[in-house]
């Protein structure tokens, strides 16, 4: 089974997230597959998968990006949010032995790298001062000093997030002793009362507190497929309700105050609710044997007597399987029958 089939993303157009005018970026797998830009999306991923690079891209990096003394180490194609810059952009995040580069993908991935890559920011690895793994290990927030800048890498895949973090940690450990600093401690984001998304969970979690569930909510970074476009979304679920949310993933620096330390926090209004449905409205789930990162959630609104479908695409087939199981258990408890799951061979 090709578990890399769900990587963004065939011939779909990629739409920027809220905050910018949505831009279509055609990503044709017919050409992209020859560049080996996306490592496997399954759990068998290793750090070496980030080090394999096409010779044309390697030549471009050596001639157009790196200084003479730099050596390529690893790279990742990923959605990036730069703090202070609205929206998400697709980029190659490339690491040499001393620098981290953000190369924006601004066209169809075909021809010479200079045709579809735009050189952006670069930072010395010695200036990396903080990092945080996002909820459910699907994103990585990294901060730099001199200049003070931060980015959120929306990997949308747990294995890629863990392994790429290992790559960066190893690179920092290999820095020359004279320039090596103490490697910052990795923090892990938690869902607390202060998290912007808590507003969606508060009532449901209060009702379910007596249930003893070790995992009171589910969080998935995905894409909502509508026609030929893919929109970045967050699927948030309790045991009672589903929420489709647009997050902007922005942070802001908080200056030190008396008795408190400065740092970065989520912006207070960093989301927009697109749609919500009770889990009881699910009428069926469609999965695809040769597209294991895709799922269609069939919904029926009993009040409006309307049917609808959420076509979700992830970058992590394991998380999608976990989501199906997460939804199945409370649904079957409500109706005392098996949830209708259909497995088709390919996408329609």
C-alpha atoms as a PDB file:
ATOM      1  CA  UNK A   1       0.000   0.000   0.000  1.00  0.00           C
ATOM      2  CA  UNK A   2       1.318   3.457  -0.920  1.00  0.00           C
ATOM      3  CA  UNK A   3       1.037   5.375   2.325  1.00  0.00           C
ATOM      4  CA  UNK A   4       2.623   8.426   0.771  1.00  0.00           C
ATOM      5  CA  UNK A   5      -0.340   8.954  -1.512  1.00  0.00           C
ATOM      6  CA  UNK A   6      -1.910  11.524   0.759  1.00  0.00           C
ATOM      7  CA  UNK A   7       0.939  14.021   0.735  1.00  0.00           C
ATOM      8  CA  UNK A   8      -0.279  17.358  -0.561  1.00  0.00           C
ATOM      9  CA  UNK A   9      -1.312  16.759  -2.957  1.00  0.00           C
ATOM     10  CA  UNK A  10      -1.856  15.363  -6.405  1.00  0.00           C
ATOM     11  CA  UNK A  11      -3.473  17.872  -8.714  1.00  0.00           C
ATOM     12  CA  UNK A  12      -5.366  19.728  -5.989  1.00  0.00           C
ATOM     13  CA  UNK A  13      -4.924  23.472  -5.622  1.00  0.00           C
ATOM     14  CA  UNK A  14      -3.543  24.568  -2.259  1.00  0.00           C
ATOM     15  CA  UNK A  15      -5.346  27.552  -0.735  1.00  0.00           C
ATOM     16  CA  UNK A  16      -3.621  29.809   1.738  1.00  0.00           C
ATOM     17  CA  UNK A  17      -5.092  29.945   5.205  1.00  0.00           C
ATOM     18  CA  UNK A  18      -7.088  32.842   6.605  1.00  0.00           C
ATOM     19  CA  UNK A  19      -5.299  36.179   6.577  1.00  0.00           C
ATOM     20  CA  UNK A  20      -4.237  36.415   2.939  1.00  0.00           C
ATOM     21  CA  UNK A  21      -6.006  36.308  -0.382  1.00  0.00           C
ATOM     22  CA  UNK A  22      -6.249  32.579  -1.107  1.00  0.00           C
ATOM     23  CA  UNK A  23      -3.699  31.684  -3.754  1.00  0.00           C
ATOM     24  CA  UNK A  24      -3.863  28.585  -5.922  1.00  0.00           C
ATOM     25  CA  UNK A  25      -0.654  26.601  -6.075  1.00  0.00           C
ATOM     26  CA  UNK A  26      -0.881  23.676  -8.434  1.00  0.00           C
ATOM     27  CA  UNK A  27       1.045  20.719  -7.068  1.00  0.00           C
ATOM     28  CA  UNK A  28       1.069  18.079  -9.753  1.00  0.00           C
ATOM     29  CA  UNK A  29       2.230  14.677  -8.558  1.00  0.00           C
ATOM     30  CA  UNK A  30       3.194  13.872 -12.155  1.00  0.00           C
ATOM     31  CA  UNK A  31       6.215  16.145 -11.689  1.00  0.00           C
ATOM     32  CA  UNK A  32       6.656  16.328  -7.936  1.00  0.00           C
ATOM     33  CA  UNK A  33       7.134  12.592  -7.493  1.00  0.00           C
ATOM     34  CA  UNK A  34      10.396  12.861  -9.450  1.00  0.00           C
ATOM     35  CA  UNK A  35      11.838  15.281  -6.874  1.00  0.00           C
ATOM     36  CA  UNK A  36      11.476  13.033  -3.817  1.00  0.00           C
ATOM     37  CA  UNK A  37      10.308  15.985  -1.678  1.00  0.00           C
ATOM     38  CA  UNK A  38       8.028  14.132   0.717  1.00  0.00           C
ATOM     39  CA  UNK A  39       9.338  11.394   3.022  1.00  0.00           C
ATOM     40  CA  UNK A  40       7.057   8.431   3.804  1.00  0.00           C
ATOM     41  CA  UNK A  41       4.011   9.361   5.843  1.00  0.00           C
ATOM     42  CA  UNK A  42       3.918   6.110   7.803  1.00  0.00           C
ATOM     43  CA  UNK A  43       5.492   5.205  11.133  1.00  0.00           C
ATOM     44  CA  UNK A  44       8.519   3.507   9.487  1.00  0.00           C
ATOM     45  CA  UNK A  45      10.085   6.907   8.804  1.00  0.00           C
ATOM     46  CA  UNK A  46      13.715   7.438   9.891  1.00  0.00           C
ATOM     47  CA  UNK A  47      15.884  10.550  10.133  1.00  0.00           C
ATOM     48  CA  UNK A  48      17.726   9.404   6.999  1.00  0.00           C
ATOM     49  CA  UNK A  49      14.571   9.984   4.961  1.00  0.00           C
ATOM     50  CA  UNK A  50      15.141  13.747   5.377  1.00  0.00           C
ATOM     51  CA  UNK A  51      18.684  13.492   4.013  1.00  0.00           C
ATOM     52  CA  UNK A  52      17.902  11.998   0.600  1.00  0.00           C
ATOM     53  CA  UNK A  53      17.887  14.827  -1.943  1.00  0.00           C
ATOM     54  CA  UNK A  54      17.558  14.967  -5.730  1.00  0.00           C
ATOM     55  CA  UNK A  55      20.858  15.871  -7.404  1.00  0.00           C
ATOM     56  CA  UNK A  56      19.260  18.851  -9.188  1.00  0.00           C
ATOM     57  CA  UNK A  57      18.024  20.297  -5.911  1.00  0.00           C
ATOM     58  CA  UNK A  58      21.387  19.578  -4.254  1.00  0.00           C
ATOM     59  CA  UNK A  59      23.169  21.467  -7.043  1.00  0.00           C
ATOM     60  CA  UNK A  60      20.793  24.419  -6.671  1.00  0.00           C
ATOM     61  CA  UNK A  61      21.425  24.559  -2.930  1.00  0.00           C
ATOM     62  CA  UNK A  62      25.189  24.388  -3.364  1.00  0.00           C
ATOM     63  CA  UNK A  63      25.281  27.035  -6.105  1.00  0.00           C
ATOM     64  CA  UNK A  64      22.481  29.438  -5.129  1.00  0.00           C
ATOM     65  CA  UNK A  65      21.806  29.075  -1.393  1.00  0.00           C
ATOM     66  CA  UNK A  66      24.764  27.790   0.632  1.00  0.00           C
ATOM     67  CA  UNK A  67      28.073  29.519   1.188  1.00  0.00           C
ATOM     68  CA  UNK A  68      31.182  27.690  -0.042  1.00  0.00           C
ATOM     69  CA  UNK A  69      31.916  26.156   3.339  1.00  0.00           C
ATOM     70  CA  UNK A  70      28.389  24.880   4.030  1.00  0.00           C
ATOM     71  CA  UNK A  71      27.288  21.284   3.621  1.00  0.00           C
ATOM     72  CA  UNK A  72      23.759  19.985   3.080  1.00  0.00           C
ATOM     73  CA  UNK A  73      22.307  17.981   5.961  1.00  0.00           C
ATOM     74  CA  UNK A  74      18.523  17.580   5.613  1.00  0.00           C
ATOM     75  CA  UNK A  75      15.325  19.183   4.319  1.00  0.00           C
ATOM     76  CA  UNK A  76      11.551  19.012   4.609  1.00  0.00           C
ATOM     77  CA  UNK A  77       8.655  20.209   2.454  1.00  0.00           C
ATOM     78  CA  UNK A  78       6.152  21.683   4.894  1.00  0.00           C
ATOM     79  CA  UNK A  79       3.516  24.338   5.463  1.00  0.00           C
ATOM     80  CA  UNK A  80       5.030  27.269   7.386  1.00  0.00           C
ATOM     81  CA  UNK A  81       3.527  30.110   9.376  1.00  0.00           C
ATOM     82  CA  UNK A  82       5.892  32.976  10.142  1.00  0.00           C
ATOM     83  CA  UNK A  83       4.833  35.022  13.132  1.00  0.00           C
ATOM     84  CA  UNK A  84       3.675  38.445  12.017  1.00  0.00           C
ATOM     85  CA  UNK A  85       3.075  37.288   8.438  1.00  0.00           C
ATOM     86  CA  UNK A  86      -0.579  36.402   7.753  1.00  0.00           C
ATOM     87  CA  UNK A  87      -1.361  32.997   6.328  1.00  0.00           C
ATOM     88  CA  UNK A  88       0.456  29.753   5.684  1.00  0.00           C
ATOM     89  CA  UNK A  89       2.933  29.229   2.869  1.00  0.00           C
ATOM     90  CA  UNK A  90       4.456  26.053   1.480  1.00  0.00           C
ATOM     91  CA  UNK A  91       8.238  25.875   1.768  1.00  0.00           C
ATOM     92  CA  UNK A  92      11.323  23.723   1.758  1.00  0.00           C
ATOM     93  CA  UNK A  93      12.974  24.046   5.160  1.00  0.00           C
ATOM     94  CA  UNK A  94      16.602  23.184   4.446  1.00  0.00           C
ATOM     95  CA  UNK A  95      19.346  22.650   6.997  1.00  0.00           C
ATOM     96  CA  UNK A  96      23.055  22.873   6.297  1.00  0.00           C
ATOM     97  CA  UNK A  97      25.655  22.110   8.935  1.00  0.00           C
ATOM     98  CA  UNK A  98      25.345  25.673  10.280  1.00  0.00           C
ATOM     99  CA  UNK A  99      22.165  27.337   8.931  1.00  0.00           C
ATOM    100  CA  UNK A 100      18.438  26.782   8.547  1.00  0.00           C
ATOM    101  CA  UNK A 101      16.853  28.135   5.354  1.00  0.00           C
ATOM    102  CA  UNK A 102      13.215  28.796   4.418  1.00  0.00           C
ATOM    103  CA  UNK A 103      12.724  28.482   0.647  1.00  0.00           C
ATOM    104  CA  UNK A 104       9.178  29.364  -0.375  1.00  0.00           C
ATOM    105  CA  UNK A 105       7.542  27.206  -3.050  1.00  0.00           C
ATOM    106  CA  UNK A 106       5.894  29.746  -5.322  1.00  0.00           C
ATOM    107  CA  UNK A 107       4.986  27.750  -8.410  1.00  0.00           C
ATOM    108  CA  UNK A 108       4.383  24.338  -9.901  1.00  0.00           C
ATOM    109  CA  UNK A 109       7.132  21.920  -8.922  1.00  0.00           C
ATOM    110  CA  UNK A 110       8.660  21.243 -12.336  1.00  0.00           C
ATOM    111  CA  UNK A 111      11.666  22.420 -14.313  1.00  0.00           C
ATOM    112  CA  UNK A 112      14.630  23.945 -12.504  1.00  0.00           C
ATOM    113  CA  UNK A 113      14.423  24.639  -8.732  1.00  0.00           C
ATOM    114  CA  UNK A 114      14.970  28.335  -9.437  1.00  0.00           C
ATOM    115  CA  UNK A 115      11.649  28.288 -11.335  1.00  0.00           C
ATOM    116  CA  UNK A 116       9.590  27.277  -8.286  1.00  0.00           C
ATOM    117  CA  UNK A 117      11.670  28.200  -5.252  1.00  0.00           C
ATOM    118  CA  UNK A 118      12.063  31.663  -3.748  1.00  0.00           C
ATOM    119  CA  UNK A 119      14.880  32.276  -1.281  1.00  0.00           C
ATOM    120  CA  UNK A 120      13.536  33.556   2.023  1.00  0.00           C
ATOM    121  CA  UNK A 121      14.817  33.805   5.576  1.00  0.00           C
ATOM    122  CA  UNK A 122      17.854  32.046   6.937  1.00  0.00           C
ATOM    123  CA  UNK A 123      19.057  31.643  10.515  1.00  0.00           C
ATOM    124  CA  UNK A 124      22.155  30.337  12.183  1.00  0.00           C
ATOM    125  CA  UNK A 125      21.491  27.149  14.140  1.00  0.00           C
ATOM    126  CA  UNK A 126      23.357  28.756  17.038  1.00  0.00           C
ATOM    127  CA  UNK A 127      20.521  31.308  17.273  1.00  0.00           C
ATOM    128  CA  UNK A 128      17.795  28.708  17.756  1.00  0.00           C
ATOM    129  CA  UNK A 129      16.637  29.502  21.270  1.00  0.00           C
ATOM    130  CA  UNK A 130      13.320  27.686  21.815  1.00  0.00           C
ATOM    131  CA  UNK A 131      11.065  25.059  20.315  1.00  0.00           C
ATOM    132  CA  UNK A 132       7.733  23.529  21.124  1.00  0.00           C
ATOM    133  CA  UNK A 133       5.963  20.465  19.789  1.00  0.00           C
ATOM    134  CA  UNK A 134       2.311  21.224  19.036  1.00  0.00           C
ATOM    135  CA  UNK A 135      -0.812  19.368  20.111  1.00  0.00           C
ATOM    136  CA  UNK A 136      -0.774  15.656  19.227  1.00  0.00           C
ATOM    137  CA  UNK A 137       2.769  16.048  17.800  1.00  0.00           C
ATOM    138  CA  UNK A 138       1.596  17.507  14.464  1.00  0.00           C
ATOM    139  CA  UNK A 139       3.507  20.806  14.401  1.00  0.00           C
ATOM    140  CA  UNK A 140       6.806  22.264  15.548  1.00  0.00           C
ATOM    141  CA  UNK A 141       7.238  25.862  16.689  1.00  0.00           C
ATOM    142  CA  UNK A 142      10.815  27.178  16.565  1.00  0.00           C
ATOM    143  CA  UNK A 143      12.190  30.508  17.733  1.00  0.00           C
ATOM    144  CA  UNK A 144      15.391  32.334  16.844  1.00  0.00           C
ATOM    145  CA  UNK A 145      17.241  35.253  18.360  1.00  0.00           C
ATOM    146  CA  UNK A 146      19.411  37.825  16.555  1.00  0.00           C
ATOM    147  CA  UNK A 147      17.034  38.633  14.888  1.00  0.00           C
ATOM    148  CA  UNK A 148      14.082  37.603  17.030  1.00  0.00           C
ATOM    149  CA  UNK A 149      11.810  35.581  14.722  1.00  0.00           C
ATOM    150  CA  UNK A 150       9.674  32.479  15.069  1.00  0.00           C
ATOM    151  CA  UNK A 151       7.976  29.982  12.786  1.00  0.00           C
ATOM    152  CA  UNK A 152       5.458  27.174  13.099  1.00  0.00           C
ATOM    153  CA  UNK A 153       6.082  24.149  10.885  1.00  0.00           C
ATOM    154  CA  UNK A 154       2.748  22.463  10.180  1.00  0.00           C
ATOM    155  CA  UNK A 155       3.958  18.941   9.494  1.00  0.00           C
ATOM    156  CA  UNK A 156       0.522  17.388  10.114  1.00  0.00           C
ATOM    157  CA  UNK A 157       2.268  14.065  10.713  1.00  0.00           C
ATOM    158  CA  UNK A 158       3.434  12.744  14.079  1.00  0.00           C
ATOM    159  CA  UNK A 159       6.315  10.633  12.814  1.00  0.00           C
ATOM    160  CA  UNK A 160       7.702  13.426  10.615  1.00  0.00           C
ATOM    161  CA  UNK A 161       7.449  15.860  13.507  1.00  0.00           C
ATOM    162  CA  UNK A 162       9.379  13.597  15.885  1.00  0.00           C
ATOM    163  CA  UNK A 163      12.037  12.614  13.341  1.00  0.00           C
ATOM    164  CA  UNK A 164      12.642  16.134  11.993  1.00  0.00           C
ATOM    165  CA  UNK A 165      13.040  17.366  15.559  1.00  0.00           C
ATOM    166  CA  UNK A 166      15.639  14.632  16.038  1.00  0.00           C
ATOM    167  CA  UNK A 167      17.454  15.823  12.904  1.00  0.00           C
ATOM    168  CA  UNK A 168      17.643  19.403  14.149  1.00  0.00           C
ATOM    169  CA  UNK A 169      18.718  18.307  17.620  1.00  0.00           C
ATOM    170  CA  UNK A 170      21.509  16.195  16.132  1.00  0.00           C
ATOM    171  CA  UNK A 171      22.691  19.118  13.986  1.00  0.00           C
ATOM    172  CA  UNK A 172      22.910  21.374  17.019  1.00  0.00           C
ATOM    173  CA  UNK A 173      24.884  18.729  18.874  1.00  0.00           C
ATOM    174  CA  UNK A 174      27.344  18.607  15.957  1.00  0.00           C
ATOM    175  CA  UNK A 175      28.045  22.355  15.923  1.00  0.00           C
ATOM    176  CA  UNK A 176      31.691  23.317  16.598  1.00  0.00           C
ATOM    177  CA  UNK A 177      32.367  23.639  20.352  1.00  0.00           C
ATOM    178  CA  UNK A 178      33.247  27.335  20.067  1.00  0.00           C
ATOM    179  CA  UNK A 179      29.834  28.196  18.608  1.00  0.00           C
ATOM    180  CA  UNK A 180      27.739  25.512  20.302  1.00  0.00           C
ATOM    181  CA  UNK A 181      25.194  26.668  22.854  1.00  0.00           C
ATOM    182  CA  UNK A 182      23.074  24.734  25.267  1.00  0.00           C
ATOM    183  CA  UNK A 183      20.357  23.006  23.287  1.00  0.00           C
ATOM    184  CA  UNK A 184      16.983  24.445  24.346  1.00  0.00           C
ATOM    185  CA  UNK A 185      14.624  22.127  26.174  1.00  0.00           C
ATOM    186  CA  UNK A 186      11.788  20.831  24.017  1.00  0.00           C
ATOM    187  CA  UNK A 187       8.389  21.778  25.424  1.00  0.00           C
ATOM    188  CA  UNK A 188       5.118  20.118  24.418  1.00  0.00           C
ATOM    189  CA  UNK A 189       1.906  22.091  23.967  1.00  0.00           C
ATOM    190  CA  UNK A 190      -1.010  21.168  26.206  1.00  0.00           C
ATOM    191  CA  UNK A 191      -4.697  21.931  26.023  1.00  0.00           C
ATOM    192  CA  UNK A 192      -5.320  24.198  29.000  1.00  0.00           C
ATOM    193  CA  UNK A 193      -7.875  26.814  30.014  1.00  0.00           C
ATOM    194  CA  UNK A 194      -5.678  29.420  28.314  1.00  0.00           C
ATOM    195  CA  UNK A 195      -5.543  27.711  24.927  1.00  0.00           C
ATOM    196  CA  UNK A 196      -7.646  29.523  22.275  1.00  0.00           C
ATOM    197  CA  UNK A 197      -9.447  26.296  21.337  1.00  0.00           C
ATOM    198  CA  UNK A 198     -10.520  25.593  24.903  1.00  0.00           C
ATOM    199  CA  UNK A 199     -13.762  27.498  24.253  1.00  0.00           C
ATOM    200  CA  UNK A 200     -14.942  24.592  22.067  1.00  0.00           C
ATOM    201  CA  UNK A 201     -14.108  21.939  24.649  1.00  0.00           C
ATOM    202  CA  UNK A 202     -15.124  23.551  27.909  1.00  0.00           C
ATOM    203  CA  UNK A 203     -18.802  22.496  28.105  1.00  0.00           C
ATOM    204  CA  UNK A 204     -18.305  19.003  26.687  1.00  0.00           C
ATOM    205  CA  UNK A 205     -15.336  18.208  28.913  1.00  0.00           C
ATOM    206  CA  UNK A 206     -17.258  19.371  31.976  1.00  0.00           C
ATOM    207  CA  UNK A 207     -20.085  16.943  31.091  1.00  0.00           C
ATOM    208  CA  UNK A 208     -17.660  14.103  30.365  1.00  0.00           C
ATOM    209  CA  UNK A 209     -15.425  14.647  33.406  1.00  0.00           C
ATOM    210  CA  UNK A 210     -16.986  11.737  35.254  1.00  0.00           C
ATOM    211  CA  UNK A 211     -16.366   9.341  32.388  1.00  0.00           C
ATOM    212  CA  UNK A 212     -12.741   8.794  33.291  1.00  0.00           C
ATOM    213  CA  UNK A 213     -11.529   9.107  29.702  1.00  0.00           C
ATOM    214  CA  UNK A 214      -7.740   9.350  29.509  1.00  0.00           C
ATOM    215  CA  UNK A 215      -8.044  11.197  26.194  1.00  0.00           C
ATOM    216  CA  UNK A 216     -10.889  13.714  26.443  1.00  0.00           C
ATOM    217  CA  UNK A 217     -10.524  15.252  22.968  1.00  0.00           C
ATOM    218  CA  UNK A 218      -9.086  14.602  19.512  1.00  0.00           C
ATOM    219  CA  UNK A 219      -7.061  17.129  17.514  1.00  0.00           C
ATOM    220  CA  UNK A 220      -6.182  16.732  13.841  1.00  0.00           C
ATOM    221  CA  UNK A 221      -4.480  19.102  11.417  1.00  0.00           C
ATOM    222  CA  UNK A 222      -5.913  18.311   7.998  1.00  0.00           C
ATOM    223  CA  UNK A 223      -7.164  19.727   4.715  1.00  0.00           C
ATOM    224  CA  UNK A 224     -10.799  20.197   3.765  1.00  0.00           C
ATOM    225  CA  UNK A 225     -11.185  19.220   0.114  1.00  0.00           C
ATOM    226  CA  UNK A 226     -13.750  21.307  -1.741  1.00  0.00           C
ATOM    227  CA  UNK A 227     -13.807  20.800  -5.482  1.00  0.00           C
ATOM    228  CA  UNK A 228     -10.242  21.183  -6.749  1.00  0.00           C
ATOM    229  CA  UNK A 229      -9.051  23.123  -3.698  1.00  0.00           C
ATOM    230  CA  UNK A 230      -7.580  22.078  -0.364  1.00  0.00           C
ATOM    231  CA  UNK A 231      -8.107  24.344   2.652  1.00  0.00           C
ATOM    232  CA  UNK A 232      -6.017  23.924   5.832  1.00  0.00           C
ATOM    233  CA  UNK A 233      -8.313  23.165   8.767  1.00  0.00           C
ATOM    234  CA  UNK A 234      -8.238  21.787  12.283  1.00  0.00           C
ATOM    235  CA  UNK A 235     -10.663  19.045  13.219  1.00  0.00           C
ATOM    236  CA  UNK A 236     -11.414  19.145  16.921  1.00  0.00           C
ATOM    237  CA  UNK A 237     -13.629  16.546  18.535  1.00  0.00           C
ATOM    238  CA  UNK A 238     -14.978  15.685  21.952  1.00  0.00           C
ATOM    239  CA  UNK A 239     -17.021  12.542  22.579  1.00  0.00           C
ATOM    240  CA  UNK A 240     -20.114  14.600  21.745  1.00  0.00           C
ATOM    241  CA  UNK A 241     -19.276  17.142  19.046  1.00  0.00           C
ATOM    242  CA  UNK A 242     -17.150  17.807  15.964  1.00  0.00           C
ATOM    243  CA  UNK A 243     -15.673  21.214  15.148  1.00  0.00           C
ATOM    244  CA  UNK A 244     -14.048  22.343  11.898  1.00  0.00           C
ATOM    245  CA  UNK A 245     -11.815  25.292  12.746  1.00  0.00           C
ATOM    246  CA  UNK A 246      -9.441  27.561  10.868  1.00  0.00           C
ATOM    247  CA  UNK A 247      -6.374  28.299  12.998  1.00  0.00           C
ATOM    248  CA  UNK A 248      -3.841  30.935  12.001  1.00  0.00           C
ATOM    249  CA  UNK A 249      -1.117  29.403  14.255  1.00  0.00           C
ATOM    250  CA  UNK A 250       0.252  32.844  15.071  1.00  0.00           C
ATOM    251  CA  UNK A 251       2.199  33.601  18.237  1.00  0.00           C
ATOM    252  CA  UNK A 252       3.176  36.908  19.781  1.00  0.00           C
ATOM    253  CA  UNK A 253       5.971  37.914  22.082  1.00  0.00           C
ATOM    254  CA  UNK A 254       4.883  38.783  25.594  1.00  0.00           C
ATOM    255  CA  UNK A 255       7.263  41.245  27.279  1.00  0.00           C
ATOM    256  CA  UNK A 256       8.422  40.364  30.802  1.00  0.00           C
ATOM    257  CA  UNK A 257       6.291  41.876  33.525  1.00  0.00           C
ATOM    258  CA  UNK A 258       6.815  42.105  37.227  1.00  0.00           C
ATOM    259  CA  UNK A 259       6.984  38.611  38.649  1.00  0.00           C
ATOM    260  CA  UNK A 260       6.460  36.951  35.264  1.00  0.00           C
ATOM    261  CA  UNK A 261       8.705  35.723  32.499  1.00  0.00           C
ATOM    262  CA  UNK A 262       8.381  36.848  28.913  1.00  0.00           C
ATOM    263  CA  UNK A 263       7.744  34.340  26.155  1.00  0.00           C
ATOM    264  CA  UNK A 264       5.457  33.491  23.281  1.00  0.00           C
ATOM    265  CA  UNK A 265       1.774  32.683  23.535  1.00  0.00           C
ATOM    266  CA  UNK A 266      -1.066  31.960  21.154  1.00  0.00           C
ATOM    267  CA  UNK A 267      -2.906  35.026  19.980  1.00  0.00           C
ATOM    268  CA  UNK A 268      -6.348  35.315  21.628  1.00  0.00           C
ATOM    269  CA  UNK A 269      -8.329  35.406  18.369  1.00  0.00           C
ATOM    270  CA  UNK A 270      -6.349  32.901  16.326  1.00  0.00           C
ATOM    271  CA  UNK A 271      -9.216  30.761  15.052  1.00  0.00           C
ATOM    272  CA  UNK A 272     -12.455  30.859  13.127  1.00  0.00           C
ATOM    273  CA  UNK A 273     -15.172  28.229  13.426  1.00  0.00           C
ATOM    274  CA  UNK A 274     -16.179  26.951   9.985  1.00  0.00           C
ATOM    275  CA  UNK A 275     -18.764  24.368  11.032  1.00  0.00           C
ATOM    276  CA  UNK A 276     -19.782  22.165  13.937  1.00  0.00           C
ATOM    277  CA  UNK A 277     -21.825  18.971  14.106  1.00  0.00           C
ATOM    278  CA  UNK A 278     -22.840  16.596  16.896  1.00  0.00           C
ATOM    279  CA  UNK A 279     -21.267  13.159  16.543  1.00  0.00           C
ATOM    280  CA  UNK A 280     -24.807  11.785  16.392  1.00  0.00           C
ATOM    281  CA  UNK A 281     -25.172  13.448  12.965  1.00  0.00           C
ATOM    282  CA  UNK A 282     -22.601  11.089  11.406  1.00  0.00           C
ATOM    283  CA  UNK A 283     -24.359   8.740   8.979  1.00  0.00           C
ATOM    284  CA  UNK A 284     -21.293   7.009   7.552  1.00  0.00           C
ATOM    285  CA  UNK A 285     -17.555   7.031   6.930  1.00  0.00           C
ATOM    286  CA  UNK A 286     -15.905   6.397   3.557  1.00  0.00           C
ATOM    287  CA  UNK A 287     -12.259   5.300   3.450  1.00  0.00           C
ATOM    288  CA  UNK A 288      -9.996   4.523   0.491  1.00  0.00           C
ATOM    289  CA  UNK A 289      -7.647   1.569   0.144  1.00  0.00           C
ATOM    290  CA  UNK A 290      -5.179   3.353  -2.147  1.00  0.00           C
ATOM    291  CA  UNK A 291      -5.617   6.787  -0.566  1.00  0.00           C
ATOM    292  CA  UNK A 292      -5.223   6.012   3.155  1.00  0.00           C
ATOM    293  CA  UNK A 293      -4.917   9.697   4.051  1.00  0.00           C
ATOM    294  CA  UNK A 294      -8.414  10.516   2.762  1.00  0.00           C
ATOM    295  CA  UNK A 295     -11.748  10.181   4.505  1.00  0.00           C
ATOM    296  CA  UNK A 296     -15.258  11.352   3.721  1.00  0.00           C
ATOM    297  CA  UNK A 297     -17.433  11.942   6.742  1.00  0.00           C
ATOM    298  CA  UNK A 298     -21.098  11.713   5.785  1.00  0.00           C
ATOM    299  CA  UNK A 299     -23.393  13.857   7.939  1.00  0.00           C
ATOM    300  CA  UNK A 300     -27.146  14.272   8.308  1.00  0.00           C
ATOM    301  CA  UNK A 301     -28.653  17.276  10.059  1.00  0.00           C
ATOM    302  CA  UNK A 302     -31.907  16.011  11.559  1.00  0.00           C
ATOM    303  CA  UNK A 303     -33.175  19.529  12.292  1.00  0.00           C
ATOM    304  CA  UNK A 304     -32.647  20.909   8.788  1.00  0.00           C
ATOM    305  CA  UNK A 305     -33.120  17.523   7.091  1.00  0.00           C
ATOM    306  CA  UNK A 306     -29.928  18.142   5.122  1.00  0.00           C
ATOM    307  CA  UNK A 307     -27.097  15.840   4.096  1.00  0.00           C
ATOM    308  CA  UNK A 308     -23.501  17.027   3.823  1.00  0.00           C
ATOM    309  CA  UNK A 309     -20.010  15.582   3.491  1.00  0.00           C
ATOM    310  CA  UNK A 310     -16.666  16.591   4.934  1.00  0.00           C
ATOM    311  CA  UNK A 311     -13.879  15.342   2.680  1.00  0.00           C
ATOM    312  CA  UNK A 312     -10.783  15.431   4.871  1.00  0.00           C
ATOM    313  CA  UNK A 313      -7.236  14.719   3.795  1.00  0.00           C
ATOM    314  CA  UNK A 314      -4.415  14.300   6.273  1.00  0.00           C
ATOM    315  CA  UNK A 315      -0.659  13.843   6.062  1.00  0.00           C
ATOM    316  CA  UNK A 316      -0.782  10.956   8.557  1.00  0.00           C
ATOM    317  CA  UNK A 317      -2.731   7.742   7.856  1.00  0.00           C
ATOM    318  CA  UNK A 318      -2.219   6.534  11.426  1.00  0.00           C
ATOM    319  CA  UNK A 319      -3.945   9.611  12.840  1.00  0.00           C
ATOM    320  CA  UNK A 320      -6.808   9.190  10.406  1.00  0.00           C
ATOM    321  CA  UNK A 321      -7.299   5.608  11.576  1.00  0.00           C
ATOM    322  CA  UNK A 322      -7.266   6.843  15.187  1.00  0.00           C
ATOM    323  CA  UNK A 323      -9.898   9.451  14.327  1.00  0.00           C
ATOM    324  CA  UNK A 324     -12.224   6.830  12.846  1.00  0.00           C
ATOM    325  CA  UNK A 325     -11.915   4.759  16.000  1.00  0.00           C
ATOM    326  CA  UNK A 326     -12.391   7.851  18.176  1.00  0.00           C
ATOM    327  CA  UNK A 327     -15.683   8.618  16.395  1.00  0.00           C
ATOM    328  CA  UNK A 328     -16.866   4.997  16.251  1.00  0.00           C
ATOM    329  CA  UNK A 329     -16.914   4.338  19.988  1.00  0.00           C
ATOM    330  CA  UNK A 330     -19.289   7.124  21.177  1.00  0.00           C
ATOM    331  CA  UNK A 331     -21.425   6.820  18.021  1.00  0.00           C
ATOM    332  CA  UNK A 332     -22.025   3.104  18.581  1.00  0.00           C
ATOM    333  CA  UNK A 333     -22.745   3.732  22.252  1.00  0.00           C
ATOM    334  CA  UNK A 334     -25.465   6.186  21.190  1.00  0.00           C
ATOM    335  CA  UNK A 335     -27.145   3.987  18.579  1.00  0.00           C
ATOM    336  CA  UNK A 336     -26.218   0.431  19.651  1.00  0.00           C
ATOM    337  CA  UNK A 337     -25.427  -0.542  16.058  1.00  0.00           C
ATOM    338  CA  UNK A 338     -22.173  -0.611  14.086  1.00  0.00           C
ATOM    339  CA  UNK A 339     -21.048   2.608  12.442  1.00  0.00           C
ATOM    340  CA  UNK A 340     -21.401   2.326   8.678  1.00  0.00           C
ATOM    341  CA  UNK A 341     -17.864   2.228   7.243  1.00  0.00           C
ATOM    342  CA  UNK A 342     -17.317   1.836   3.513  1.00  0.00           C
ATOM    343  CA  UNK A 343     -13.889   1.104   2.041  1.00  0.00           C
ATOM    344  CA  UNK A 344     -13.482   1.962  -1.646  1.00  0.00           C
ATOM    345  CA  UNK A 345     -10.450   1.278  -3.784  1.00  0.00           C
ATOM    346  CA  UNK A 346      -9.749   4.785  -5.111  1.00  0.00           C
ATOM    347  CA  UNK A 347     -11.089   8.312  -4.799  1.00  0.00           C
ATOM    348  CA  UNK A 348     -14.034   9.107  -7.009  1.00  0.00           C
END
